[in-house]
């Protein structure tokens, strides 16, 4: 479980933080280039889109890991301890089903967007959908870990 938690921590917290840092530097560089040299960095816009999308979608797994999915915590924290267990289990199952649906939609996007590319980067656009699917897979993994942890604690 610790290895899985480490994977989720890296891909859900560390990597999105690094992506946001890179995004800020790229946008700052583009703004400075436009103001100082009257030219834009051609690939800055496309890379900023990819970095922002990846940071958000992977960052959702980090939020799930830290139990910061606001809608779930807001209501579950107001219940009795027994109600909290049931509410969190129900929310974990709902999150797994929703994330599975998003992965399915991302897969459809990947299979139909094979030939379109970001103009300046030359990268295929399915990369964004693949990052979305990866983020949702991490959320499913975290939800399964949470369920297993709660079941183990219940037995003890």
N, C-alpha and C. Protein backbone atom coordinates (compact mmCIF):
# COMPACT_ATOMS: atom_id res chain seq x y z
N UNK A 1 0.81 -1.20 0.00
CA UNK A 1 0.00 0.00 0.00
C UNK A 1 0.86 1.26 0.00
N UNK A 2 2.01 1.20 0.67
CA UNK A 2 2.86 2.39 0.73
C UNK A 2 3.41 2.75 -0.64
N UNK A 3 3.71 1.73 -1.44
CA UNK A 3 4.21 2.00 -2.79
C UNK A 3 3.12 2.68 -3.61
N UNK A 4 1.89 2.18 -3.52
CA UNK A 4 0.78 2.80 -4.25
C UNK A 4 0.53 4.22 -3.77
N UNK A 5 0.60 4.43 -2.45
CA UNK A 5 0.43 5.79 -1.93
C UNK A 5 1.54 6.71 -2.42
N UNK A 6 2.76 6.18 -2.53
CA UNK A 6 3.87 6.97 -3.05
C UNK A 6 3.66 7.34 -4.52
N UNK A 7 3.14 6.40 -5.29
CA UNK A 7 2.85 6.67 -6.71
C UNK A 7 1.79 7.76 -6.82
N UNK A 8 0.74 7.63 -6.02
CA UNK A 8 -0.33 8.64 -6.06
C UNK A 8 0.21 9.99 -5.58
N UNK A 9 1.04 9.99 -4.55
CA UNK A 9 1.62 11.23 -4.04
C UNK A 9 2.45 11.91 -5.13
N UNK A 10 3.27 11.12 -5.84
CA UNK A 10 4.11 11.72 -6.88
C UNK A 10 3.27 12.26 -8.04
N UNK A 11 2.39 11.40 -8.59
CA UNK A 11 1.62 11.80 -9.76
C UNK A 11 0.45 12.72 -9.43
N UNK A 12 -0.01 12.72 -8.18
CA UNK A 12 -1.16 13.54 -7.82
C UNK A 12 -0.81 14.82 -7.09
N UNK A 13 0.40 14.91 -6.54
CA UNK A 13 0.77 16.11 -5.79
C UNK A 13 2.05 16.74 -6.34
N UNK A 14 3.14 15.97 -6.38
CA UNK A 14 4.43 16.52 -6.78
C UNK A 14 4.44 16.94 -8.25
N UNK A 15 4.03 16.03 -9.13
CA UNK A 15 4.05 16.34 -10.56
C UNK A 15 3.14 17.52 -10.93
N UNK A 16 1.90 17.58 -10.42
CA UNK A 16 1.09 18.77 -10.73
C UNK A 16 1.70 20.07 -10.21
N UNK A 17 2.35 20.03 -9.05
CA UNK A 17 3.01 21.24 -8.54
C UNK A 17 4.14 21.68 -9.47
N UNK A 18 4.91 20.71 -9.95
CA UNK A 18 5.97 21.04 -10.90
C UNK A 18 5.40 21.57 -12.21
N UNK A 19 4.28 21.02 -12.64
CA UNK A 19 3.64 21.48 -13.88
C UNK A 19 3.14 22.92 -13.73
N UNK A 20 2.58 23.24 -12.58
CA UNK A 20 2.12 24.62 -12.36
C UNK A 20 3.31 25.58 -12.35
N UNK A 21 4.41 25.16 -11.75
CA UNK A 21 5.62 25.98 -11.77
C UNK A 21 6.12 26.22 -13.20
N UNK A 22 6.13 25.15 -14.00
CA UNK A 22 6.55 25.28 -15.40
C UNK A 22 5.58 26.16 -16.17
N UNK A 23 4.30 26.01 -15.89
CA UNK A 23 3.28 26.83 -16.56
C UNK A 23 3.50 28.31 -16.27
N UNK A 24 3.76 28.65 -15.02
CA UNK A 24 4.00 30.04 -14.66
C UNK A 24 5.23 30.58 -15.39
N UNK A 25 6.29 29.79 -15.43
CA UNK A 25 7.51 30.24 -16.12
C UNK A 25 7.29 30.42 -17.63
N UNK A 26 6.54 29.51 -18.23
CA UNK A 26 6.29 29.61 -19.68
C UNK A 26 5.43 30.82 -20.00
N UNK A 27 4.37 31.03 -19.23
CA UNK A 27 3.50 32.19 -19.48
C UNK A 27 4.26 33.48 -19.21
N UNK A 28 5.05 33.52 -18.13
CA UNK A 28 5.85 34.71 -17.84
C UNK A 28 6.83 34.98 -18.98
N UNK A 29 7.50 33.95 -19.45
CA UNK A 29 8.43 34.12 -20.57
C UNK A 29 7.73 34.62 -21.83
N UNK A 30 6.54 34.11 -22.09
CA UNK A 30 5.80 34.55 -23.27
C UNK A 30 5.37 36.01 -23.13
N UNK A 31 4.91 36.39 -21.97
CA UNK A 31 4.50 37.78 -21.74
C UNK A 31 5.70 38.72 -21.87
N UNK A 32 6.83 38.34 -21.28
CA UNK A 32 8.03 39.17 -21.41
C UNK A 32 8.49 39.27 -22.86
N UNK A 33 8.43 38.16 -23.58
CA UNK A 33 8.84 38.18 -24.99
C UNK A 33 7.93 39.10 -25.81
N UNK A 34 6.63 39.05 -25.51
CA UNK A 34 5.71 39.93 -26.25
C UNK A 34 5.95 41.40 -25.92
N UNK A 35 6.20 41.70 -24.65
CA UNK A 35 6.37 43.10 -24.27
C UNK A 35 7.75 43.66 -24.60
N UNK A 36 8.79 42.83 -24.46
CA UNK A 36 10.14 43.33 -24.68
C UNK A 36 10.59 43.21 -26.13
N UNK A 37 10.18 42.15 -26.81
CA UNK A 37 10.69 41.88 -28.16
C UNK A 37 9.61 41.91 -29.23
N UNK A 38 8.38 42.21 -28.85
CA UNK A 38 7.24 42.29 -29.77
C UNK A 38 7.05 41.00 -30.57
N UNK A 39 7.32 39.88 -29.93
CA UNK A 39 7.10 38.58 -30.55
C UNK A 39 6.65 37.60 -29.47
N UNK A 40 5.99 36.58 -29.91
CA UNK A 40 5.49 35.59 -28.96
C UNK A 40 6.26 34.29 -29.11
N UNK A 41 6.33 33.53 -28.05
CA UNK A 41 6.91 32.19 -28.12
C UNK A 41 5.84 31.29 -28.72
N UNK A 42 6.09 30.73 -29.88
CA UNK A 42 5.07 30.04 -30.65
C UNK A 42 4.42 28.88 -29.92
N UNK A 43 5.17 28.11 -29.19
CA UNK A 43 4.65 26.91 -28.56
C UNK A 43 4.12 27.15 -27.16
N UNK A 44 4.23 28.37 -26.64
CA UNK A 44 3.87 28.65 -25.25
C UNK A 44 2.39 28.40 -24.98
N UNK A 45 1.53 28.81 -25.86
CA UNK A 45 0.09 28.65 -25.66
C UNK A 45 -0.30 27.17 -25.60
N UNK A 46 0.16 26.40 -26.56
CA UNK A 46 -0.19 24.98 -26.58
C UNK A 46 0.36 24.24 -25.37
N UNK A 47 1.59 24.52 -25.01
CA UNK A 47 2.19 23.85 -23.86
C UNK A 47 1.49 24.27 -22.57
N UNK A 48 1.08 25.53 -22.48
CA UNK A 48 0.34 25.99 -21.30
C UNK A 48 -0.98 25.24 -21.16
N UNK A 49 -1.66 25.00 -22.26
CA UNK A 49 -2.92 24.24 -22.22
C UNK A 49 -2.68 22.83 -21.71
N UNK A 50 -1.67 22.17 -22.23
CA UNK A 50 -1.37 20.79 -21.82
C UNK A 50 -0.98 20.75 -20.35
N UNK A 51 -0.13 21.68 -19.91
CA UNK A 51 0.31 21.69 -18.51
C UNK A 51 -0.84 21.98 -17.55
N UNK A 52 -1.69 22.92 -17.90
CA UNK A 52 -2.81 23.25 -17.02
C UNK A 52 -3.78 22.08 -16.92
N UNK A 53 -4.12 21.48 -18.05
CA UNK A 53 -5.03 20.34 -18.03
C UNK A 53 -4.43 19.19 -17.23
N UNK A 54 -3.18 18.90 -17.46
CA UNK A 54 -2.53 17.79 -16.74
C UNK A 54 -2.45 18.08 -15.25
N UNK A 55 -2.13 19.31 -14.88
CA UNK A 55 -2.04 19.65 -13.46
C UNK A 55 -3.39 19.51 -12.77
N UNK A 56 -4.44 19.92 -13.43
CA UNK A 56 -5.78 19.81 -12.84
C UNK A 56 -6.19 18.35 -12.72
N UNK A 57 -6.06 17.60 -13.81
CA UNK A 57 -6.57 16.23 -13.80
C UNK A 57 -5.75 15.31 -12.92
N UNK A 58 -4.45 15.47 -12.92
CA UNK A 58 -3.63 14.67 -12.01
C UNK A 58 -3.76 15.17 -10.58
N UNK A 59 -3.94 16.47 -10.42
CA UNK A 59 -4.11 17.05 -9.10
C UNK A 59 -5.36 16.59 -8.39
N UNK A 60 -6.37 16.18 -9.14
CA UNK A 60 -7.58 15.63 -8.51
C UNK A 60 -7.25 14.37 -7.71
N UNK A 61 -6.31 13.58 -8.21
CA UNK A 61 -5.90 12.38 -7.46
C UNK A 61 -5.21 12.79 -6.16
N UNK A 62 -4.44 13.85 -6.20
CA UNK A 62 -3.81 14.34 -4.97
C UNK A 62 -4.84 14.85 -3.99
N UNK A 63 -5.87 15.53 -4.49
CA UNK A 63 -6.95 15.98 -3.61
C UNK A 63 -7.67 14.80 -2.99
N UNK A 64 -7.91 13.76 -3.78
CA UNK A 64 -8.57 12.56 -3.24
C UNK A 64 -7.68 11.90 -2.20
N UNK A 65 -6.37 11.87 -2.44
CA UNK A 65 -5.44 11.26 -1.49
C UNK A 65 -5.44 11.98 -0.16
N UNK A 66 -5.54 13.30 -0.21
CA UNK A 66 -5.52 14.11 1.01
C UNK A 66 -6.93 14.29 1.59
N UNK A 67 -7.89 13.58 1.06
CA UNK A 67 -9.30 13.65 1.50
C UNK A 67 -9.82 15.08 1.42
N UNK A 68 -9.52 15.74 0.31
CA UNK A 68 -9.94 17.12 0.12
C UNK A 68 -10.96 17.27 -1.00
N UNK A 69 -11.66 16.20 -1.32
CA UNK A 69 -12.77 16.33 -2.26
C UNK A 69 -13.90 17.01 -1.49
N UNK A 70 -14.06 18.28 -1.70
CA UNK A 70 -14.86 19.14 -0.83
C UNK A 70 -16.29 18.63 -0.63
N UNK A 71 -16.97 18.26 -1.67
CA UNK A 71 -18.36 17.83 -1.54
C UNK A 71 -18.53 16.63 -0.63
N UNK A 72 -17.60 15.70 -0.68
CA UNK A 72 -17.67 14.50 0.15
C UNK A 72 -17.40 14.86 1.61
N UNK A 73 -16.32 15.54 1.86
CA UNK A 73 -15.94 15.87 3.24
C UNK A 73 -16.95 16.79 3.90
N UNK A 74 -17.48 17.73 3.17
CA UNK A 74 -18.42 18.71 3.73
C UNK A 74 -19.61 18.00 4.37
N UNK A 75 -20.16 17.01 3.67
CA UNK A 75 -21.33 16.32 4.21
C UNK A 75 -20.96 15.18 5.15
N UNK A 76 -19.96 14.41 4.81
CA UNK A 76 -19.62 13.25 5.63
C UNK A 76 -19.13 13.65 7.01
N UNK A 77 -18.43 14.77 7.12
CA UNK A 77 -17.90 15.20 8.41
C UNK A 77 -19.00 15.60 9.39
N UNK A 78 -20.20 15.85 8.90
CA UNK A 78 -21.30 16.26 9.75
C UNK A 78 -22.15 15.09 10.24
N UNK A 79 -21.79 13.89 9.85
CA UNK A 79 -22.55 12.71 10.23
C UNK A 79 -21.95 12.04 11.46
N UNK A 80 -22.70 11.11 12.01
CA UNK A 80 -22.18 10.32 13.12
C UNK A 80 -21.04 9.44 12.59
N UNK A 81 -20.20 8.89 13.48
CA UNK A 81 -19.09 8.04 13.00
C UNK A 81 -19.57 6.88 12.11
N UNK A 82 -20.67 6.26 12.49
CA UNK A 82 -21.19 5.15 11.67
C UNK A 82 -21.71 5.67 10.32
N UNK A 83 -22.36 6.83 10.36
CA UNK A 83 -22.86 7.45 9.13
C UNK A 83 -21.72 7.89 8.22
N UNK A 84 -20.63 8.34 8.84
CA UNK A 84 -19.47 8.76 8.05
C UNK A 84 -18.91 7.58 7.26
N UNK A 85 -18.82 6.42 7.90
CA UNK A 85 -18.28 5.24 7.21
C UNK A 85 -19.14 4.91 6.01
N UNK A 86 -20.45 4.90 6.20
CA UNK A 86 -21.37 4.58 5.09
C UNK A 86 -21.32 5.64 3.99
N UNK A 87 -21.31 6.91 4.40
CA UNK A 87 -21.28 7.98 3.40
C UNK A 87 -19.99 7.95 2.60
N UNK A 88 -18.88 7.73 3.26
CA UNK A 88 -17.60 7.69 2.55
C UNK A 88 -17.51 6.47 1.63
N UNK A 89 -18.05 5.34 2.07
CA UNK A 89 -18.07 4.16 1.22
C UNK A 89 -18.94 4.41 -0.01
N UNK A 90 -20.12 4.98 0.20
CA UNK A 90 -21.00 5.30 -0.93
C UNK A 90 -20.35 6.30 -1.87
N UNK A 91 -19.67 7.30 -1.32
CA UNK A 91 -19.01 8.29 -2.17
C UNK A 91 -17.84 7.69 -2.93
N UNK A 92 -17.10 6.79 -2.28
CA UNK A 92 -16.00 6.12 -2.98
C UNK A 92 -16.52 5.30 -4.16
N UNK A 93 -17.60 4.60 -3.95
CA UNK A 93 -18.18 3.80 -5.04
C UNK A 93 -18.67 4.72 -6.16
N UNK A 94 -19.32 5.84 -5.79
CA UNK A 94 -19.79 6.78 -6.81
C UNK A 94 -18.62 7.39 -7.57
N UNK A 95 -17.56 7.74 -6.86
CA UNK A 95 -16.37 8.32 -7.50
C UNK A 95 -15.75 7.31 -8.47
N UNK A 96 -15.69 6.05 -8.06
CA UNK A 96 -15.13 5.01 -8.93
C UNK A 96 -15.96 4.88 -10.20
N UNK A 97 -17.27 4.88 -10.06
CA UNK A 97 -18.15 4.75 -11.24
C UNK A 97 -18.03 5.96 -12.16
N UNK A 98 -17.99 7.15 -11.58
CA UNK A 98 -17.86 8.37 -12.38
C UNK A 98 -16.51 8.41 -13.09
N UNK A 99 -15.45 8.10 -12.36
CA UNK A 99 -14.10 8.11 -12.96
C UNK A 99 -14.01 7.06 -14.07
N UNK A 100 -14.66 5.91 -13.87
CA UNK A 100 -14.68 4.90 -14.93
C UNK A 100 -15.38 5.41 -16.17
N UNK A 101 -16.47 6.15 -15.99
CA UNK A 101 -17.16 6.75 -17.14
C UNK A 101 -16.31 7.78 -17.85
N UNK A 102 -15.56 8.56 -17.08
CA UNK A 102 -14.68 9.56 -17.68
C UNK A 102 -13.55 8.88 -18.45
N UNK A 103 -13.02 7.79 -17.91
CA UNK A 103 -11.98 7.04 -18.62
C UNK A 103 -12.54 6.52 -19.94
N UNK A 104 -13.75 6.03 -19.90
CA UNK A 104 -14.38 5.52 -21.14
C UNK A 104 -14.51 6.65 -22.17
N UNK A 105 -14.95 7.83 -21.73
CA UNK A 105 -15.07 8.96 -22.64
C UNK A 105 -13.70 9.41 -23.16
N UNK A 106 -12.70 9.39 -22.29
CA UNK A 106 -11.34 9.76 -22.71
C UNK A 106 -10.82 8.77 -23.74
N UNK A 107 -11.12 7.50 -23.53
CA UNK A 107 -10.69 6.48 -24.49
C UNK A 107 -11.34 6.73 -25.85
N UNK A 108 -12.62 7.10 -25.85
CA UNK A 108 -13.29 7.43 -27.12
C UNK A 108 -12.62 8.62 -27.79
N UNK A 109 -12.23 9.61 -27.00
CA UNK A 109 -11.52 10.77 -27.56
C UNK A 109 -10.16 10.35 -28.11
N UNK A 110 -9.46 9.49 -27.40
CA UNK A 110 -8.16 9.02 -27.87
C UNK A 110 -8.30 8.29 -29.19
N UNK A 111 -9.30 7.44 -29.30
CA UNK A 111 -9.45 6.63 -30.51
C UNK A 111 -9.90 7.45 -31.71
N UNK A 112 -10.53 8.61 -31.48
CA UNK A 112 -10.98 9.43 -32.62
C UNK A 112 -10.06 10.60 -32.92
N UNK A 113 -9.12 10.91 -32.03
CA UNK A 113 -8.26 12.09 -32.21
C UNK A 113 -6.84 11.70 -32.56
N UNK A 114 -6.67 10.59 -33.22
CA UNK A 114 -5.31 10.12 -33.51
C UNK A 114 -4.55 11.03 -34.47
N UNK A 115 -5.27 11.71 -35.34
CA UNK A 115 -4.58 12.40 -36.42
C UNK A 115 -4.52 13.91 -36.23
N UNK A 116 -5.22 14.45 -35.23
CA UNK A 116 -5.15 15.89 -35.01
C UNK A 116 -3.99 16.20 -34.08
N UNK A 117 -3.40 17.37 -34.28
CA UNK A 117 -2.20 17.73 -33.52
C UNK A 117 -2.31 19.16 -33.02
N UNK A 118 -1.60 19.45 -31.92
CA UNK A 118 -1.42 20.83 -31.52
C UNK A 118 -0.54 21.49 -32.58
N UNK A 119 -0.96 22.66 -33.02
CA UNK A 119 -0.31 23.27 -34.18
C UNK A 119 1.19 23.50 -33.97
N UNK A 120 1.56 24.18 -32.92
CA UNK A 120 2.97 24.54 -32.78
C UNK A 120 3.81 23.41 -32.18
N UNK A 121 3.22 22.59 -31.33
CA UNK A 121 3.98 21.52 -30.70
C UNK A 121 4.15 20.32 -31.62
N UNK A 122 3.15 20.06 -32.44
CA UNK A 122 3.18 18.88 -33.28
C UNK A 122 2.84 17.61 -32.52
N UNK A 123 2.39 17.75 -31.28
CA UNK A 123 1.98 16.60 -30.48
C UNK A 123 0.56 16.20 -30.85
N UNK A 124 0.26 14.92 -30.78
CA UNK A 124 -1.13 14.52 -31.03
C UNK A 124 -2.03 14.99 -29.88
N UNK A 125 -3.25 15.41 -30.22
CA UNK A 125 -4.16 15.94 -29.20
C UNK A 125 -4.65 14.87 -28.24
N UNK A 126 -4.51 13.61 -28.57
CA UNK A 126 -4.99 12.58 -27.65
C UNK A 126 -4.19 12.54 -26.36
N UNK A 127 -3.05 13.23 -26.32
CA UNK A 127 -2.24 13.28 -25.10
C UNK A 127 -3.05 13.89 -23.95
N UNK A 128 -3.84 14.92 -24.25
CA UNK A 128 -4.65 15.55 -23.21
C UNK A 128 -5.68 14.56 -22.67
N UNK A 129 -6.33 13.80 -23.55
CA UNK A 129 -7.30 12.81 -23.11
C UNK A 129 -6.62 11.68 -22.33
N UNK A 130 -5.41 11.32 -22.73
CA UNK A 130 -4.67 10.28 -22.00
C UNK A 130 -4.31 10.75 -20.59
N UNK A 131 -3.97 12.03 -20.45
CA UNK A 131 -3.69 12.57 -19.11
C UNK A 131 -4.95 12.58 -18.25
N UNK A 132 -6.09 12.87 -18.86
CA UNK A 132 -7.36 12.80 -18.14
C UNK A 132 -7.63 11.38 -17.67
N UNK A 133 -7.44 10.41 -18.55
CA UNK A 133 -7.65 9.01 -18.18
C UNK A 133 -6.68 8.59 -17.07
N UNK A 134 -5.44 9.03 -17.13
CA UNK A 134 -4.47 8.69 -16.09
C UNK A 134 -4.88 9.29 -14.74
N UNK A 135 -5.34 10.52 -14.76
CA UNK A 135 -5.81 11.15 -13.52
C UNK A 135 -6.99 10.40 -12.92
N UNK A 136 -7.92 10.00 -13.76
CA UNK A 136 -9.08 9.25 -13.27
C UNK A 136 -8.68 7.87 -12.76
N UNK A 137 -7.72 7.24 -13.42
CA UNK A 137 -7.24 5.94 -12.94
C UNK A 137 -6.60 6.07 -11.57
N UNK A 138 -5.87 7.16 -11.33
CA UNK A 138 -5.28 7.40 -10.02
C UNK A 138 -6.35 7.64 -8.96
N UNK A 139 -7.43 8.32 -9.34
CA UNK A 139 -8.53 8.54 -8.41
C UNK A 139 -9.19 7.21 -8.05
N UNK A 140 -9.39 6.34 -9.05
CA UNK A 140 -9.95 5.02 -8.77
C UNK A 140 -9.04 4.25 -7.83
N UNK A 141 -7.75 4.28 -8.10
CA UNK A 141 -6.79 3.58 -7.24
C UNK A 141 -6.86 4.11 -5.81
N UNK A 142 -6.91 5.43 -5.65
CA UNK A 142 -7.00 6.02 -4.31
C UNK A 142 -8.30 5.64 -3.63
N UNK A 143 -9.39 5.60 -4.36
CA UNK A 143 -10.67 5.20 -3.76
C UNK A 143 -10.64 3.76 -3.31
N UNK A 144 -10.03 2.90 -4.10
CA UNK A 144 -9.91 1.49 -3.69
C UNK A 144 -9.02 1.34 -2.45
N UNK A 145 -7.96 2.13 -2.38
CA UNK A 145 -7.10 2.11 -1.19
C UNK A 145 -7.89 2.58 0.03
N UNK A 146 -8.69 3.64 -0.14
CA UNK A 146 -9.49 4.14 0.98
C UNK A 146 -10.49 3.09 1.45
N UNK A 147 -11.14 2.40 0.51
CA UNK A 147 -12.10 1.36 0.88
C UNK A 147 -11.39 0.24 1.64
N UNK A 148 -10.24 -0.20 1.12
CA UNK A 148 -9.50 -1.28 1.77
C UNK A 148 -9.03 -0.87 3.16
N UNK A 149 -8.60 0.37 3.30
CA UNK A 149 -8.14 0.87 4.60
C UNK A 149 -9.29 0.89 5.60
N UNK A 150 -10.45 1.39 5.17
CA UNK A 150 -11.61 1.42 6.07
C UNK A 150 -12.08 0.04 6.45
N UNK A 151 -12.05 -0.89 5.51
CA UNK A 151 -12.44 -2.26 5.83
C UNK A 151 -11.47 -2.89 6.82
N UNK A 152 -10.18 -2.65 6.64
CA UNK A 152 -9.17 -3.19 7.55
C UNK A 152 -9.33 -2.58 8.94
N UNK A 153 -9.59 -1.28 9.01
CA UNK A 153 -9.79 -0.64 10.31
C UNK A 153 -11.06 -1.14 10.98
N UNK A 154 -12.07 -1.45 10.20
CA UNK A 154 -13.33 -1.97 10.75
C UNK A 154 -13.15 -3.34 11.37
N UNK A 155 -12.29 -4.15 10.79
CA UNK A 155 -12.03 -5.50 11.33
C UNK A 155 -11.25 -5.43 12.63
N UNK A 156 -10.36 -4.45 12.72
CA UNK A 156 -9.53 -4.34 13.93
C UNK A 156 -10.35 -3.75 15.04
